[in-house]
Protein backbone atom coordinates (compact mmCIF):
# COMPACT_ATOMS: atom_id res chain seq x y z
CA MET A 1 153.43 70.14 -13.39
CA ILE A 2 150.42 70.31 -11.06
CA PRO A 3 150.25 74.01 -10.08
CA TYR A 4 149.27 75.24 -6.63
CA GLY A 5 146.41 77.22 -8.22
CA ARG A 6 144.74 77.54 -11.60
CA GLN A 7 141.67 79.16 -13.11
CA SER A 8 138.59 77.10 -14.01
CA VAL A 9 137.23 78.47 -17.30
CA ASP A 10 134.49 76.78 -19.32
CA ASP A 11 132.56 77.42 -22.52
CA ASP A 12 130.10 79.73 -20.76
CA ASP A 13 132.97 81.96 -19.66
CA ILE A 14 134.48 81.96 -23.14
CA GLY A 15 131.10 82.75 -24.67
CA ALA A 16 130.64 85.70 -22.31
CA VAL A 17 133.95 87.22 -23.39
CA VAL A 18 133.33 86.53 -27.08
CA GLY A 19 129.95 88.26 -26.75
CA VAL A 20 131.71 91.41 -25.58
CA LEU A 21 134.24 91.18 -28.42
CA LYS A 22 131.36 91.11 -30.88
CA GLY A 23 129.62 94.05 -29.22
CA ASP A 24 130.18 97.78 -29.13
CA TRP A 25 132.02 98.19 -25.82
CA LEU A 26 135.34 96.63 -24.87
CA THR A 27 135.80 98.99 -21.93
CA GLN A 28 133.78 101.65 -20.07
CA GLY A 29 130.60 99.88 -21.18
CA PRO A 30 127.63 98.22 -19.45
CA HIS A 31 129.27 94.95 -18.43
CA VAL A 32 131.29 96.51 -15.63
CA THR A 33 128.15 97.87 -13.99
CA GLU A 34 126.43 94.50 -14.42
CA PHE A 35 129.34 92.76 -12.70
CA GLU A 36 129.42 95.33 -9.89
CA ASP A 37 125.69 95.01 -9.29
CA ALA A 38 125.83 91.21 -9.25
CA PHE A 39 128.79 91.19 -6.88
CA ALA A 40 127.20 93.70 -4.50
CA ALA A 41 124.06 91.58 -4.40
CA ARG A 42 126.08 88.44 -3.74
CA VAL A 43 127.90 89.86 -0.70
CA GLY A 44 125.09 92.08 0.56
CA ALA A 45 126.84 95.43 0.15
CA ARG A 46 125.35 98.72 -0.99
CA HIS A 47 128.16 99.37 -3.49
CA ALA A 48 130.75 97.33 -5.38
CA VAL A 49 133.39 99.20 -7.37
CA ALA A 50 135.52 97.24 -9.83
CA PHE A 51 139.26 97.82 -10.24
CA ALA A 52 141.97 96.63 -12.59
CA ASN A 53 143.45 94.34 -9.92
CA GLY A 54 143.38 93.67 -6.20
CA THR A 55 146.38 95.88 -5.50
CA ALA A 56 144.68 98.84 -7.16
CA ALA A 57 141.56 98.06 -5.13
CA LEU A 58 143.54 98.28 -1.87
CA HIS A 59 145.24 101.50 -2.99
CA GLY A 60 141.87 102.98 -3.96
CA ALA A 61 140.41 102.03 -0.59
CA CYS A 62 143.18 103.92 1.22
CA VAL A 63 142.67 106.97 -0.98
CA ALA A 64 138.89 106.87 -0.56
CA ALA A 65 139.30 106.62 3.22
CA GLU A 66 141.50 109.76 3.07
CA LEU A 67 144.51 108.08 4.64
CA GLY A 68 147.84 109.80 4.16
CA PRO A 69 150.92 111.31 5.79
CA GLY A 70 150.80 111.25 9.58
CA HIS A 71 148.41 108.31 9.71
CA VAL A 72 149.38 104.89 11.07
CA VAL A 73 147.96 101.86 9.27
CA ALA A 74 148.40 98.34 10.68
CA THR A 75 148.30 95.06 8.80
CA SER A 76 149.44 91.47 9.25
CA THR A 77 153.02 90.69 8.33
CA LEU A 78 151.97 87.31 6.89
CA SER A 79 150.48 88.57 3.65
CA PHE A 80 151.43 89.69 0.18
CA VAL A 81 153.21 93.05 0.25
CA ALA A 82 150.21 94.87 -1.29
CA SER A 83 148.51 94.73 2.12
CA ALA A 84 151.14 97.15 3.41
CA ASN A 85 152.08 98.97 0.22
CA CYS A 86 148.56 100.32 -0.21
CA ALA A 87 149.21 102.46 2.88
CA ARG A 88 152.74 103.35 1.83
CA CYS A 89 151.43 104.53 -1.56
CA VAL A 90 149.36 107.23 0.15
CA GLY A 91 152.22 108.31 2.43
CA ALA A 92 150.94 106.64 5.59
CA ASP A 93 153.14 104.83 8.11
CA VAL A 94 152.79 101.05 8.28
CA ARG A 95 152.66 99.12 11.55
CA LEU A 96 153.16 95.40 10.96
CA LEU A 97 151.46 92.92 13.28
CA ASP A 98 152.52 89.42 14.27
CA ILE A 99 150.05 86.57 13.72
CA ASP A 100 148.10 84.22 15.93
CA PRO A 101 149.70 80.84 15.10
CA GLN A 102 146.36 79.11 15.55
CA THR A 103 144.61 81.08 12.78
CA LEU A 104 147.56 82.53 10.80
CA ASN A 105 145.65 85.84 10.99
CA MET A 106 146.25 88.82 13.23
CA ASP A 107 144.71 88.52 16.68
CA PRO A 108 141.79 91.01 16.67
CA ARG A 109 141.90 91.28 20.45
CA ALA A 110 145.54 92.45 20.43
CA LEU A 111 145.18 95.43 18.10
CA PRO A 112 147.17 98.50 19.21
CA THR A 113 145.08 101.46 20.27
CA ASP A 114 147.12 104.18 18.53
CA LEU A 115 146.11 103.36 14.94
CA ASP A 116 144.29 105.38 12.34
CA ALA A 117 143.43 102.39 10.19
CA LEU A 118 143.60 98.61 9.94
CA VAL A 119 144.00 96.49 6.82
CA ALA A 120 142.67 93.16 8.09
CA VAL A 121 144.01 90.26 6.03
CA HIS A 122 141.85 87.12 5.73
CA TYR A 123 144.84 84.82 5.21
CA ALA A 124 144.23 81.80 2.93
CA GLY A 125 140.51 82.65 3.05
CA LEU A 126 139.86 82.32 6.79
CA PRO A 127 138.06 85.51 7.89
CA VAL A 128 139.43 87.57 10.75
CA ASP A 129 136.68 87.84 13.36
CA LEU A 130 136.31 91.62 13.23
CA ALA A 131 133.44 91.46 15.72
CA ARG A 132 136.13 90.74 18.34
CA LEU A 133 138.24 93.82 17.68
CA GLY A 134 139.52 95.06 21.01
CA HIS A 135 139.78 98.53 19.53
CA ARG A 136 138.27 99.88 16.31
CA PRO A 137 140.41 102.43 14.44
CA ARG A 138 138.77 105.20 12.46
CA VAL A 139 139.08 103.16 9.25
CA VAL A 140 138.84 99.39 8.85
CA ILE A 141 139.66 97.92 5.44
CA GLU A 142 139.32 94.18 4.84
CA ASP A 143 141.90 92.58 2.57
CA ALA A 144 139.69 89.78 1.30
CA ALA A 145 141.89 88.91 -1.68
CA HIS A 146 141.75 85.29 -0.48
CA ALA A 147 138.22 85.31 0.87
CA VAL A 148 135.67 85.68 -1.91
CA GLY A 149 132.71 83.54 -0.87
CA ALA A 150 133.78 83.35 2.78
CA ILE A 151 131.14 83.88 5.47
CA THR A 152 131.14 85.09 9.08
CA PRO A 153 128.31 84.96 11.64
CA ASP A 154 127.41 88.47 10.41
CA GLY A 155 127.02 87.36 6.80
CA PRO A 156 129.20 87.21 3.68
CA VAL A 157 132.66 88.72 3.70
CA GLY A 158 132.17 91.92 1.72
CA ASN A 159 129.02 93.12 3.47
CA CYS A 160 131.19 95.41 5.61
CA ALA A 161 129.38 94.48 8.81
CA HIS A 162 132.43 95.56 10.83
CA SER A 163 134.47 97.48 8.25
CA ASP A 164 134.31 100.53 6.02
CA LEU A 165 135.64 98.90 2.86
CA CYS A 166 136.39 95.36 1.72
CA CYS A 167 138.82 94.54 -1.12
CA PHE A 168 138.89 91.45 -3.35
CA SER A 169 141.22 90.04 -6.00
CA PHE A 170 140.25 88.06 -9.10
CA HIS A 171 143.71 86.90 -10.18
CA PRO A 172 143.60 83.50 -11.98
CA VAL A 173 144.75 81.56 -8.92
CA LYS A 174 141.88 82.92 -6.83
CA THR A 175 138.56 81.09 -6.42
CA MET A 176 136.99 83.08 -9.28
CA THR A 177 138.79 85.16 -11.87
CA THR A 178 138.51 88.05 -14.29
CA GLY A 179 142.07 87.45 -15.54
CA GLU A 180 143.35 90.37 -13.54
CA GLY A 181 140.83 92.33 -11.53
CA GLY A 182 139.68 93.55 -8.16
CA MET A 183 136.65 94.91 -6.33
CA VAL A 184 135.96 97.15 -3.36
CA THR A 185 132.66 96.90 -1.52
CA THR A 186 131.28 99.51 0.86
CA ASN A 187 128.00 100.69 2.32
CA ASP A 188 129.07 104.34 2.31
CA ASP A 189 127.89 106.45 -0.66
CA ALA A 190 130.72 108.98 -0.31
CA LEU A 191 133.40 106.28 -0.19
CA ALA A 192 131.94 104.66 -3.31
CA ALA A 193 131.98 107.96 -5.17
CA ARG A 194 135.63 108.55 -4.23
CA LEU A 195 136.54 105.02 -5.31
CA ARG A 196 134.97 105.53 -8.74
CA ARG A 197 136.70 108.86 -9.16
CA PHE A 198 140.09 107.48 -8.14
CA ARG A 199 139.98 104.60 -10.66
CA HIS A 200 139.18 107.09 -13.46
CA HIS A 201 142.02 109.64 -13.33
CA GLY A 202 140.38 111.73 -10.58
CA ILE A 203 137.86 113.04 -13.12
CA GLU A 204 134.62 114.75 -12.14
CA PRO A 205 132.24 115.51 -15.05
CA ARG A 206 130.83 119.05 -15.34
CA PRO A 207 127.82 118.43 -17.62
CA GLU A 208 126.16 121.70 -16.62
CA GLN A 209 129.03 123.44 -18.47
CA GLY A 210 128.76 121.25 -21.56
CA GLY A 211 128.56 117.55 -22.32
CA TRP A 212 132.33 117.29 -22.79
CA VAL A 213 133.44 119.33 -19.77
CA TYR A 214 135.20 117.75 -16.83
CA ASP A 215 137.61 118.63 -14.08
CA VAL A 216 140.44 116.59 -12.56
CA VAL A 217 140.22 117.14 -8.82
CA GLU A 218 142.97 114.84 -7.53
CA LEU A 219 146.04 112.93 -8.64
CA ALA A 220 144.73 109.47 -9.52
CA TYR A 221 145.09 106.56 -11.91
CA ASN A 222 143.46 104.63 -14.68
CA ALA A 223 142.58 101.56 -12.65
CA ARG A 224 139.45 100.55 -14.56
CA LEU A 225 138.32 97.01 -15.27
CA THR A 226 137.48 96.27 -18.92
CA ASP A 227 134.14 94.96 -20.15
CA LEU A 228 135.92 91.80 -21.32
CA GLN A 229 137.07 91.11 -17.77
CA ALA A 230 133.74 92.10 -16.26
CA ALA A 231 131.83 89.70 -18.51
CA LEU A 232 134.16 86.90 -17.44
CA GLY A 233 133.66 87.93 -13.81
CA THR A 234 129.87 87.84 -14.03
CA SER A 235 130.03 84.39 -15.58
CA GLN A 236 132.48 83.15 -12.95
CA LEU A 237 130.41 84.62 -10.13
CA SER A 238 127.50 82.40 -11.16
CA LYS A 239 129.73 79.37 -10.48
CA LEU A 240 131.21 80.58 -7.20
CA ASP A 241 129.27 78.19 -4.97
CA ARG A 242 130.34 75.22 -7.09
CA PHE A 243 133.97 76.35 -6.92
CA LEU A 244 133.76 76.79 -3.14
CA ASP A 245 132.09 73.40 -2.60
CA ARG A 246 134.78 71.66 -4.66
CA ARG A 247 137.58 73.39 -2.78
CA GLN A 248 135.98 72.42 0.51
CA ALA A 249 135.72 68.78 -0.57
CA LEU A 250 139.36 68.75 -1.62
CA ALA A 251 140.47 70.41 1.62
CA ASP A 252 138.49 67.86 3.64
CA ARG A 253 140.11 65.08 1.64
CA TYR A 254 143.59 66.53 2.22
CA ASP A 255 142.90 66.53 5.96
CA VAL A 256 142.20 62.79 5.82
CA LEU A 257 145.03 61.88 3.45
CA LEU A 258 147.61 63.81 5.48
CA ALA A 259 146.51 62.54 8.88
CA ASP A 260 149.36 60.02 9.19
CA LEU A 261 152.10 62.28 7.85
CA PRO A 262 154.25 64.68 9.94
CA VAL A 263 152.32 67.65 8.56
CA LYS A 264 150.32 70.36 10.31
CA CYS A 265 147.17 71.03 8.30
CA PRO A 266 145.79 74.58 8.00
CA PRO A 267 143.27 75.95 10.50
CA ARG A 268 139.64 75.33 9.71
CA ALA A 269 136.80 77.80 10.05
CA PRO A 270 135.08 77.92 13.44
CA THR A 271 131.34 77.43 13.85
CA GLY A 272 129.38 80.14 12.04
CA PHE A 273 132.20 80.86 9.56
CA ARG A 274 132.88 79.62 6.05
CA HIS A 275 136.49 79.45 4.89
CA GLY A 276 137.27 80.95 1.46
CA LEU A 277 139.94 78.24 0.90
CA HIS A 278 142.06 80.15 -1.57
CA LEU A 279 145.09 78.28 -0.21
CA TYR A 280 145.81 75.02 1.56
CA PRO A 281 148.98 75.96 3.48
CA VAL A 282 150.51 73.11 5.49
CA ARG A 283 153.47 73.34 7.84
CA VAL A 284 156.37 70.92 7.48
CA ALA A 285 159.88 70.49 8.84
CA ARG A 286 162.82 70.99 6.44
CA ARG A 287 160.59 73.13 4.23
CA ALA A 288 163.30 74.05 1.69
CA GLU A 289 164.18 70.39 1.07
CA VAL A 290 160.53 69.34 0.83
CA TYR A 291 159.77 72.23 -1.54
CA ALA A 292 162.63 71.26 -3.84
CA ALA A 293 161.70 67.56 -3.82
CA LEU A 294 158.07 68.28 -4.68
CA ARG A 295 159.03 70.67 -7.46
CA ASP A 296 161.36 68.02 -8.88
CA ALA A 297 158.42 65.59 -8.77
CA GLY A 298 156.23 67.94 -10.81
CA ILE A 299 154.19 69.31 -7.92
CA GLY A 300 154.04 73.11 -8.15
CA VAL A 301 153.92 73.88 -4.44
CA GLN A 302 154.46 77.48 -3.37
CA VAL A 303 155.20 79.45 -0.21
CA HIS A 304 152.75 82.15 0.94
CA TYR A 305 154.43 84.43 1.87
CA VAL A 306 157.81 85.85 2.70
CA PRO A 307 156.64 87.93 5.70
CA ILE A 308 156.39 91.61 4.89
CA HIS A 309 158.75 92.55 7.74
CA GLN A 310 161.53 90.53 6.07
CA LEU A 311 161.34 92.48 2.79
CA SER A 312 163.74 95.29 1.94
CA VAL A 313 160.87 97.71 1.42
CA SER A 314 159.98 97.36 5.10
CA GLN A 315 163.40 98.20 6.51
CA PRO A 316 164.11 99.37 9.12
CA VAL A 317 161.36 97.40 10.80
CA VAL A 318 160.07 98.01 14.31
CA GLY A 319 159.18 95.11 16.59
CA SER A 320 159.61 91.36 16.52
CA PHE A 321 157.45 88.73 14.85
CA PRO A 322 158.24 85.35 16.40
CA ASN A 323 155.00 83.67 15.39
CA ALA A 324 155.19 84.78 11.76
CA ASP A 325 158.89 83.88 11.52
CA ALA A 326 158.33 80.40 12.96
CA THR A 327 155.30 79.81 10.77
CA TYR A 328 157.00 81.05 7.60
CA ALA A 329 159.89 78.64 8.14
CA GLU A 330 157.46 75.73 7.75
CA LEU A 331 154.79 77.01 5.33
CA LEU A 332 154.07 75.17 2.08
CA SER A 333 150.95 75.68 -0.05
CA LEU A 334 149.72 72.46 -1.66
CA PRO A 335 147.76 72.51 -4.95
CA LEU A 336 144.14 73.51 -4.45
CA PHE A 337 141.81 74.55 -7.27
CA ALA A 338 138.37 73.52 -8.47
CA ASP A 339 139.59 71.38 -11.39
CA LEU A 340 142.13 69.45 -9.31
CA THR A 341 141.25 65.75 -9.64
CA GLU A 342 141.41 63.23 -6.84
CA THR A 343 144.05 61.32 -8.83
CA GLU A 344 146.18 64.47 -8.95
CA GLN A 345 145.57 65.05 -5.26
CA ASP A 346 146.72 61.49 -4.52
CA GLU A 347 149.87 62.22 -6.55
CA VAL A 348 150.50 65.36 -4.48
CA VAL A 349 150.13 63.49 -1.18
CA ALA A 350 152.30 60.56 -2.34
CA ALA A 351 155.06 62.93 -3.44
CA LEU A 352 154.82 64.83 -0.16
CA GLY A 353 155.08 61.57 1.78
CA ASP A 354 158.17 60.59 -0.19
CA ALA A 355 159.77 63.99 0.39
CA LEU A 356 159.12 63.88 4.12
CA ALA A 357 160.54 60.35 4.39
CA ARG A 358 163.91 61.31 2.89
């Protein structure tokens, strides 16, 4: 089976993790800080705060931004449910937004004006152009789970040029991985402090009262990243440009190979932007039949995602989402990862052609 996504781990990555296993700290040690510092430098942010996973990162961002009951938080309906559940977990109301069918992202010019916060999803790795927001809510959080390494005219995604916080995921199918893991970047010192407190049980040390003394000032979680994961992340980060270049080459090749098939290829990044290319989502007719045929042929295609407004957790839902519904009916993510070979890619395209011809 050729999966839709897979980690790329080499001997350097393995050596980094083994080095931690042979050391003194498996968690709460120096490697997390090293990873955070390297990531902050890479994206041009003042702070990077590591989390156990991308979902915890989004939840932490909502807590740090002091969102809660009575607040309205908007996000795109074409995303994984964590983009909405992060707001629900703090008691806020969620307003789901339809997508622009040309970008598969929310339309930044059509943002409602009665929002407290926005979770802006960079679907498949294509950044939302936040510089074009028609209205800026009090809090803007970027869901960049797909967009590590992506760039806008204002610099790398993660520099928070037009946001307060930016959240990343390092799941194995993402461009770089820590196994499970996440990160929040921000340029605000107070937000960073709240993020670090939230991931560590809400603890505030009280060293002036004794080296062991602490207080717990809020209900929080253990959402820490381990040193094992952080060491892997630092090693993977050093290869990020290579991973991105390979994904771009494969995406370019897909565009050529699919040109004569009845397939709509995913939107590309406009001038001044770099696509993160976490996914290569095409649109096809008879999606269910094509999905089944490709799976039977050993091609591990996937669908990203069941729109959030269609999930039970979202009911009753307010509004209609014609663009997301129409897009979802045709979406199919083809295999895209750095170690995908051209021979495997040819196999994917041939199997897709056969499925479409049935």
